[in-house]
Amino acid sequence: MSRPREFDVDRALHQSMEVFWTKGFKSTSFEDLTQTTRVKKQSLYGVFDDKRSLFLKALVLYRKQSVAVLEELVSQDDMSPIKKLDAIRGIALGQCHETIRRGCLMVNSALEFGTDDKEVKREVEMMFAEVEQLLEKIIRSGQEQQLITTRYTSKELAAYLNNALQGAKMMEKSGASWERIDMVLYTSFAMIVP
């Protein structure tokens, strides 16, 4: 008969995600994870196999949480497309004002791993593709209402804004001032309005 788990797996995964987000994969030791989660190494290994498996699950969690926030925003029928884009810019800026300049776990992981790890690369690409699809949906609606320029396709504008959001996260991680990040995001979002 197997012993029941002595810890909350979801909570440990959330806590581990926070550690990876702050320190990165390579700089996170298993001791960091066990101290944060207060779960013994053997127990974490029993559920997550190893540090890499735990990291991959943390990436999935981060992607799902981030996309869910944007999906909720997109589904708001009482908001105009411009208000939705302003809210997305606000979310990005709000995250930038955190005490610890963590950037984005996906951007950080893309920079840390490059294209060397196929599973990490797949998660990063999925995140960016999902965000871009949601941006495109908002932009297409704005173009139909003549609130957003039609000089470029909704797909082109979504790729542009997605790149601006990722760039803002890189700026945050590298220590750029909040004012500079705000200026870049404000300008990027303002450029799509006719």
C-alpha atoms as a PDB file:
ATOM      1  CA  MET A   1       0.000   0.000   0.000  1.00  0.00           C
ATOM      2  CA  SER A   2       1.414   3.387  -0.984  1.00  0.00           C
ATOM      3  CA  ARG A   3       1.668   6.188   1.512  1.00  0.00           C
ATOM      4  CA  PRO A   4      -0.562   9.238   1.012  1.00  0.00           C
ATOM      5  CA  ARG A   5       1.157  12.412  -0.162  1.00  0.00           C
ATOM      6  CA  GLU A   6       2.189  14.630   2.700  1.00  0.00           C
ATOM      7  CA  PHE A   7       2.081  17.885   0.737  1.00  0.00           C
ATOM      8  CA  ASP A   8      -0.145  19.886  -1.585  1.00  0.00           C
ATOM      9  CA  VAL A   9       1.216  19.158  -5.074  1.00  0.00           C
ATOM     10  CA  ASP A  10      -0.443  22.194  -6.712  1.00  0.00           C
ATOM     11  CA  ARG A  11       0.890  24.516  -4.039  1.00  0.00           C
ATOM     12  CA  ALA A  12       4.392  23.070  -4.386  1.00  0.00           C
ATOM     13  CA  LEU A  13       4.197  23.518  -8.164  1.00  0.00           C
ATOM     14  CA  HIS A  14       3.111  27.178  -7.789  1.00  0.00           C
ATOM     15  CA  GLN A  15       5.893  27.832  -5.305  1.00  0.00           C
ATOM     16  CA  SER A  16       8.443  26.126  -7.542  1.00  0.00           C
ATOM     17  CA  MET A  17       7.273  28.206 -10.508  1.00  0.00           C
ATOM     18  CA  GLU A  18       7.963  31.352  -8.465  1.00  0.00           C
ATOM     19  CA  VAL A  19      11.498  30.159  -7.682  1.00  0.00           C
ATOM     20  CA  PHE A  20      12.257  29.310 -11.328  1.00  0.00           C
ATOM     21  CA  TRP A  21      10.756  32.642 -12.415  1.00  0.00           C
ATOM     22  CA  THR A  22      12.988  34.557 -10.022  1.00  0.00           C
ATOM     23  CA  LYS A  23      16.231  32.580 -10.389  1.00  0.00           C
ATOM     24  CA  GLY A  24      16.003  30.764 -13.717  1.00  0.00           C
ATOM     25  CA  PHE A  25      16.394  27.032 -14.249  1.00  0.00           C
ATOM     26  CA  LYS A  26      20.165  26.699 -14.032  1.00  0.00           C
ATOM     27  CA  SER A  27      20.558  28.937 -10.972  1.00  0.00           C
ATOM     28  CA  THR A  28      17.805  27.149  -9.042  1.00  0.00           C
ATOM     29  CA  SER A  29      19.090  24.371  -6.830  1.00  0.00           C
ATOM     30  CA  PHE A  30      16.969  21.576  -5.485  1.00  0.00           C
ATOM     31  CA  GLU A  31      17.734  23.058  -2.071  1.00  0.00           C
ATOM     32  CA  ASP A  32      16.060  26.321  -3.217  1.00  0.00           C
ATOM     33  CA  LEU A  33      12.992  24.323  -4.192  1.00  0.00           C
ATOM     34  CA  THR A  34      12.827  22.281  -0.991  1.00  0.00           C
ATOM     35  CA  GLN A  35      13.320  25.361   1.196  1.00  0.00           C
ATOM     36  CA  THR A  36      10.581  27.287  -0.606  1.00  0.00           C
ATOM     37  CA  THR A  37       8.080  24.432  -0.801  1.00  0.00           C
ATOM     38  CA  ARG A  38       9.067  22.941   2.569  1.00  0.00           C
ATOM     39  CA  VAL A  39       8.851  19.556   0.887  1.00  0.00           C
ATOM     40  CA  LYS A  40      11.657  17.028   1.159  1.00  0.00           C
ATOM     41  CA  LYS A  41      13.726  16.356  -1.945  1.00  0.00           C
ATOM     42  CA  GLN A  42      12.679  12.717  -1.980  1.00  0.00           C
ATOM     43  CA  SER A  43       8.984  13.686  -1.925  1.00  0.00           C
ATOM     44  CA  LEU A  44       9.408  16.255  -4.720  1.00  0.00           C
ATOM     45  CA  TYR A  45      11.281  13.677  -6.789  1.00  0.00           C
ATOM     46  CA  GLY A  46       8.514  11.182  -6.087  1.00  0.00           C
ATOM     47  CA  VAL A  47       5.938  13.429  -7.746  1.00  0.00           C
ATOM     48  CA  PHE A  48       7.951  15.429 -10.278  1.00  0.00           C
ATOM     49  CA  ASP A  49      10.779  12.959 -11.079  1.00  0.00           C
ATOM     50  CA  ASP A  50      13.549  15.577 -11.321  1.00  0.00           C
ATOM     51  CA  LYS A  51      14.243  19.297 -11.460  1.00  0.00           C
ATOM     52  CA  ARG A  52      13.777  19.490 -15.237  1.00  0.00           C
ATOM     53  CA  SER A  53      10.366  17.784 -15.107  1.00  0.00           C
ATOM     54  CA  LEU A  54       9.305  20.150 -12.344  1.00  0.00           C
ATOM     55  CA  PHE A  55      10.518  23.099 -14.415  1.00  0.00           C
ATOM     56  CA  LEU A  56       8.563  21.953 -17.481  1.00  0.00           C
ATOM     57  CA  LYS A  57       5.401  21.604 -15.381  1.00  0.00           C
ATOM     58  CA  ALA A  58       6.053  25.099 -13.982  1.00  0.00           C
ATOM     59  CA  LEU A  59       6.304  26.465 -17.544  1.00  0.00           C
ATOM     60  CA  VAL A  60       2.969  24.858 -18.440  1.00  0.00           C
ATOM     61  CA  LEU A  61       1.390  26.350 -15.317  1.00  0.00           C
ATOM     62  CA  TYR A  62       2.798  29.802 -16.090  1.00  0.00           C
ATOM     63  CA  ARG A  63       1.543  29.629 -19.688  1.00  0.00           C
ATOM     64  CA  LYS A  64      -1.929  28.516 -18.675  1.00  0.00           C
ATOM     65  CA  GLN A  65      -2.242  31.193 -15.980  1.00  0.00           C
ATOM     66  CA  SER A  66      -1.000  33.975 -18.252  1.00  0.00           C
ATOM     67  CA  VAL A  67      -3.215  32.980 -21.166  1.00  0.00           C
ATOM     68  CA  ALA A  68      -6.250  32.584 -18.875  1.00  0.00           C
ATOM     69  CA  VAL A  69      -5.880  36.210 -17.737  1.00  0.00           C
ATOM     70  CA  LEU A  70      -5.857  37.387 -21.351  1.00  0.00           C
ATOM     71  CA  GLU A  71      -8.735  35.097 -22.347  1.00  0.00           C
ATOM     72  CA  GLU A  72     -10.811  36.551 -19.534  1.00  0.00           C
ATOM     73  CA  LEU A  73     -10.037  40.035 -20.790  1.00  0.00           C
ATOM     74  CA  VAL A  74     -10.860  39.165 -24.416  1.00  0.00           C
ATOM     75  CA  SER A  75     -14.218  37.732 -23.349  1.00  0.00           C
ATOM     76  CA  GLN A  76     -15.354  41.034 -21.773  1.00  0.00           C
ATOM     77  CA  ASP A  77     -18.210  42.128 -24.055  1.00  0.00           C
ATOM     78  CA  ASP A  78     -18.606  45.485 -22.313  1.00  0.00           C
ATOM     79  CA  MET A  79     -15.073  46.635 -23.203  1.00  0.00           C
ATOM     80  CA  SER A  80     -14.031  48.159 -26.514  1.00  0.00           C
ATOM     81  CA  PRO A  81     -11.013  46.668 -28.312  1.00  0.00           C
ATOM     82  CA  ILE A  82      -8.996  49.775 -27.420  1.00  0.00           C
ATOM     83  CA  LYS A  83      -9.873  49.381 -23.721  1.00  0.00           C
ATOM     84  CA  LYS A  84      -8.842  45.712 -23.900  1.00  0.00           C
ATOM     85  CA  LEU A  85      -5.477  46.618 -25.409  1.00  0.00           C
ATOM     86  CA  ASP A  86      -5.024  49.344 -22.776  1.00  0.00           C
ATOM     87  CA  ALA A  87      -5.766  46.734 -20.099  1.00  0.00           C
ATOM     88  CA  ILE A  88      -3.154  44.378 -21.577  1.00  0.00           C
ATOM     89  CA  ARG A  89      -0.607  47.209 -21.568  1.00  0.00           C
ATOM     90  CA  GLY A  90      -1.630  47.933 -17.965  1.00  0.00           C
ATOM     91  CA  ILE A  91      -1.159  44.295 -16.985  1.00  0.00           C
ATOM     92  CA  ALA A  92       2.319  44.305 -18.523  1.00  0.00           C
ATOM     93  CA  LEU A  93       3.217  47.546 -16.735  1.00  0.00           C
ATOM     94  CA  GLY A  94       1.725  46.339 -13.459  1.00  0.00           C
ATOM     95  CA  GLN A  95       3.904  43.266 -13.577  1.00  0.00           C
ATOM     96  CA  CYS A  96       6.915  45.471 -14.302  1.00  0.00           C
ATOM     97  CA  HIS A  97       6.322  47.378 -11.057  1.00  0.00           C
ATOM     98  CA  GLU A  98       6.886  44.311  -8.897  1.00  0.00           C
ATOM     99  CA  THR A  99       9.691  44.632  -6.388  1.00  0.00           C
ATOM    100  CA  ILE A 100      11.730  41.871  -7.993  1.00  0.00           C
ATOM    101  CA  ARG A 101      12.461  42.474 -11.669  1.00  0.00           C
ATOM    102  CA  ARG A 102      11.661  38.998 -12.879  1.00  0.00           C
ATOM    103  CA  GLY A 103      10.555  39.761 -16.412  1.00  0.00           C
ATOM    104  CA  CYS A 104       8.514  36.966 -17.971  1.00  0.00           C
ATOM    105  CA  LEU A 105       9.224  33.315 -17.162  1.00  0.00           C
ATOM    106  CA  MET A 106       8.799  32.404 -20.849  1.00  0.00           C
ATOM    107  CA  VAL A 107      11.063  35.174 -22.141  1.00  0.00           C
ATOM    108  CA  ASN A 108      13.617  34.327 -19.451  1.00  0.00           C
ATOM    109  CA  SER A 109      13.468  30.644 -20.410  1.00  0.00           C
ATOM    110  CA  ALA A 110      13.818  31.439 -24.114  1.00  0.00           C
ATOM    111  CA  LEU A 111      16.944  33.445 -23.338  1.00  0.00           C
ATOM    112  CA  GLU A 112      18.339  30.822 -20.975  1.00  0.00           C
ATOM    113  CA  PHE A 113      17.762  27.787 -23.212  1.00  0.00           C
ATOM    114  CA  GLY A 114      17.708  29.261 -26.700  1.00  0.00           C
ATOM    115  CA  THR A 115      16.659  26.521 -29.090  1.00  0.00           C
ATOM    116  CA  ASP A 116      18.674  23.780 -27.357  1.00  0.00           C
ATOM    117  CA  ASP A 117      15.809  22.206 -25.410  1.00  0.00           C
ATOM    118  CA  LYS A 118      12.906  21.148 -27.640  1.00  0.00           C
ATOM    119  CA  GLU A 119      10.370  20.885 -24.807  1.00  0.00           C
ATOM    120  CA  VAL A 120      11.173  24.314 -23.383  1.00  0.00           C
ATOM    121  CA  LYS A 121      11.166  25.762 -26.907  1.00  0.00           C
ATOM    122  CA  ARG A 122       7.738  24.216 -27.544  1.00  0.00           C
ATOM    123  CA  GLU A 123       6.261  25.749 -24.358  1.00  0.00           C
ATOM    124  CA  VAL A 124       7.717  29.164 -25.182  1.00  0.00           C
ATOM    125  CA  GLU A 125       6.381  29.007 -28.741  1.00  0.00           C
ATOM    126  CA  MET A 126       2.954  27.897 -27.514  1.00  0.00           C
ATOM    127  CA  MET A 127       2.771  30.799 -25.079  1.00  0.00           C
ATOM    128  CA  PHE A 128       3.765  33.388 -27.652  1.00  0.00           C
ATOM    129  CA  ALA A 129       1.401  31.899 -30.273  1.00  0.00           C
ATOM    130  CA  GLU A 130      -1.544  31.874 -27.846  1.00  0.00           C
ATOM    131  CA  VAL A 131      -0.925  35.472 -26.778  1.00  0.00           C
ATOM    132  CA  GLU A 132      -0.590  36.526 -30.409  1.00  0.00           C
ATOM    133  CA  GLN A 133      -3.883  34.822 -31.324  1.00  0.00           C
ATOM    134  CA  LEU A 134      -5.685  36.652 -28.521  1.00  0.00           C
ATOM    135  CA  LEU A 135      -4.157  39.971 -29.560  1.00  0.00           C
ATOM    136  CA  GLU A 136      -5.196  39.280 -33.152  1.00  0.00           C
ATOM    137  CA  LYS A 137      -8.773  38.639 -32.073  1.00  0.00           C
ATOM    138  CA  ILE A 138      -8.920  42.002 -30.274  1.00  0.00           C
ATOM    139  CA  ILE A 139      -7.247  43.818 -33.163  1.00  0.00           C
ATOM    140  CA  ARG A 140      -9.536  42.257 -35.775  1.00  0.00           C
ATOM    141  CA  SER A 141     -12.549  43.402 -33.771  1.00  0.00           C
ATOM    142  CA  GLY A 142     -11.053  46.896 -33.511  1.00  0.00           C
ATOM    143  CA  GLN A 143     -10.422  47.004 -37.238  1.00  0.00           C
ATOM    144  CA  GLU A 144     -14.018  45.986 -37.936  1.00  0.00           C
ATOM    145  CA  GLN A 145     -15.142  48.886 -35.718  1.00  0.00           C
ATOM    146  CA  GLN A 146     -12.641  51.233 -37.435  1.00  0.00           C
ATOM    147  CA  LEU A 147     -10.864  51.829 -34.130  1.00  0.00           C
ATOM    148  CA  ILE A 148      -7.577  50.251 -35.240  1.00  0.00           C
ATOM    149  CA  THR A 149      -5.626  50.885 -38.421  1.00  0.00           C
ATOM    150  CA  THR A 150      -6.174  48.574 -41.375  1.00  0.00           C
ATOM    151  CA  ARG A 151      -2.881  49.593 -42.944  1.00  0.00           C
ATOM    152  CA  TYR A 152      -1.571  46.237 -41.681  1.00  0.00           C
ATOM    153  CA  THR A 153      -3.402  42.964 -41.159  1.00  0.00           C
ATOM    154  CA  SER A 154      -4.594  41.946 -37.708  1.00  0.00           C
ATOM    155  CA  LYS A 155      -1.979  39.167 -37.794  1.00  0.00           C
ATOM    156  CA  GLU A 156       0.848  41.622 -38.536  1.00  0.00           C
ATOM    157  CA  LEU A 157      -0.271  44.025 -35.808  1.00  0.00           C
ATOM    158  CA  ALA A 158      -0.672  41.190 -33.295  1.00  0.00           C
ATOM    159  CA  ALA A 159       2.880  40.005 -34.017  1.00  0.00           C
ATOM    160  CA  TYR A 160       4.110  43.578 -33.585  1.00  0.00           C
ATOM    161  CA  LEU A 161       2.373  44.087 -30.226  1.00  0.00           C
ATOM    162  CA  ASN A 162       3.393  40.641 -28.998  1.00  0.00           C
ATOM    163  CA  ASN A 163       7.002  41.540 -29.784  1.00  0.00           C
ATOM    164  CA  ALA A 164       6.628  44.857 -27.935  1.00  0.00           C
ATOM    165  CA  LEU A 165       5.279  43.028 -24.858  1.00  0.00           C
ATOM    166  CA  GLN A 166       8.152  40.535 -24.927  1.00  0.00           C
ATOM    167  CA  GLY A 167      10.638  43.355 -25.395  1.00  0.00           C
ATOM    168  CA  ALA A 168       9.177  45.185 -22.390  1.00  0.00           C
ATOM    169  CA  LYS A 169       9.770  42.081 -20.277  1.00  0.00           C
ATOM    170  CA  MET A 170      13.386  41.943 -21.451  1.00  0.00           C
ATOM    171  CA  MET A 171      13.746  45.629 -20.601  1.00  0.00           C
ATOM    172  CA  GLU A 172      12.304  44.969 -17.145  1.00  0.00           C
ATOM    173  CA  LYS A 173      14.678  42.069 -16.489  1.00  0.00           C
ATOM    174  CA  SER A 174      17.659  44.139 -17.636  1.00  0.00           C
ATOM    175  CA  GLY A 175      16.802  46.984 -15.245  1.00  0.00           C
ATOM    176  CA  ALA A 176      15.305  49.627 -17.570  1.00  0.00           C
ATOM    177  CA  SER A 177      13.349  52.345 -15.792  1.00  0.00           C
ATOM    178  CA  TRP A 178       9.580  52.036 -15.484  1.00  0.00           C
ATOM    179  CA  GLU A 179       9.242  55.293 -17.400  1.00  0.00           C
ATOM    180  CA  ARG A 180      11.204  53.915 -20.348  1.00  0.00           C
ATOM    181  CA  ILE A 181       9.215  50.666 -20.397  1.00  0.00           C
ATOM    182  CA  ASP A 182       5.964  52.638 -20.232  1.00  0.00           C
ATOM    183  CA  MET A 183       7.115  54.897 -23.076  1.00  0.00           C
ATOM    184  CA  VAL A 184       7.929  51.902 -25.308  1.00  0.00           C
ATOM    185  CA  LEU A 185       4.632  50.149 -24.587  1.00  0.00           C
ATOM    186  CA  TYR A 186       2.555  53.318 -24.866  1.00  0.00           C
ATOM    187  CA  THR A 187       4.134  54.183 -28.218  1.00  0.00           C
ATOM    188  CA  SER A 188       3.777  50.641 -29.559  1.00  0.00           C
ATOM    189  CA  PHE A 189       0.101  50.437 -28.640  1.00  0.00           C
ATOM    190  CA  ALA A 190      -0.644  54.001 -29.811  1.00  0.00           C
ATOM    191  CA  MET A 191       0.860  53.341 -33.244  1.00  0.00           C
ATOM    192  CA  ILE A 192      -1.934  50.942 -34.209  1.00  0.00           C
ATOM    193  CA  VAL A 193      -4.685  53.526 -33.712  1.00  0.00           C
ATOM    194  CA  PRO A 194      -5.598  55.361 -36.949  1.00  0.00           C
END
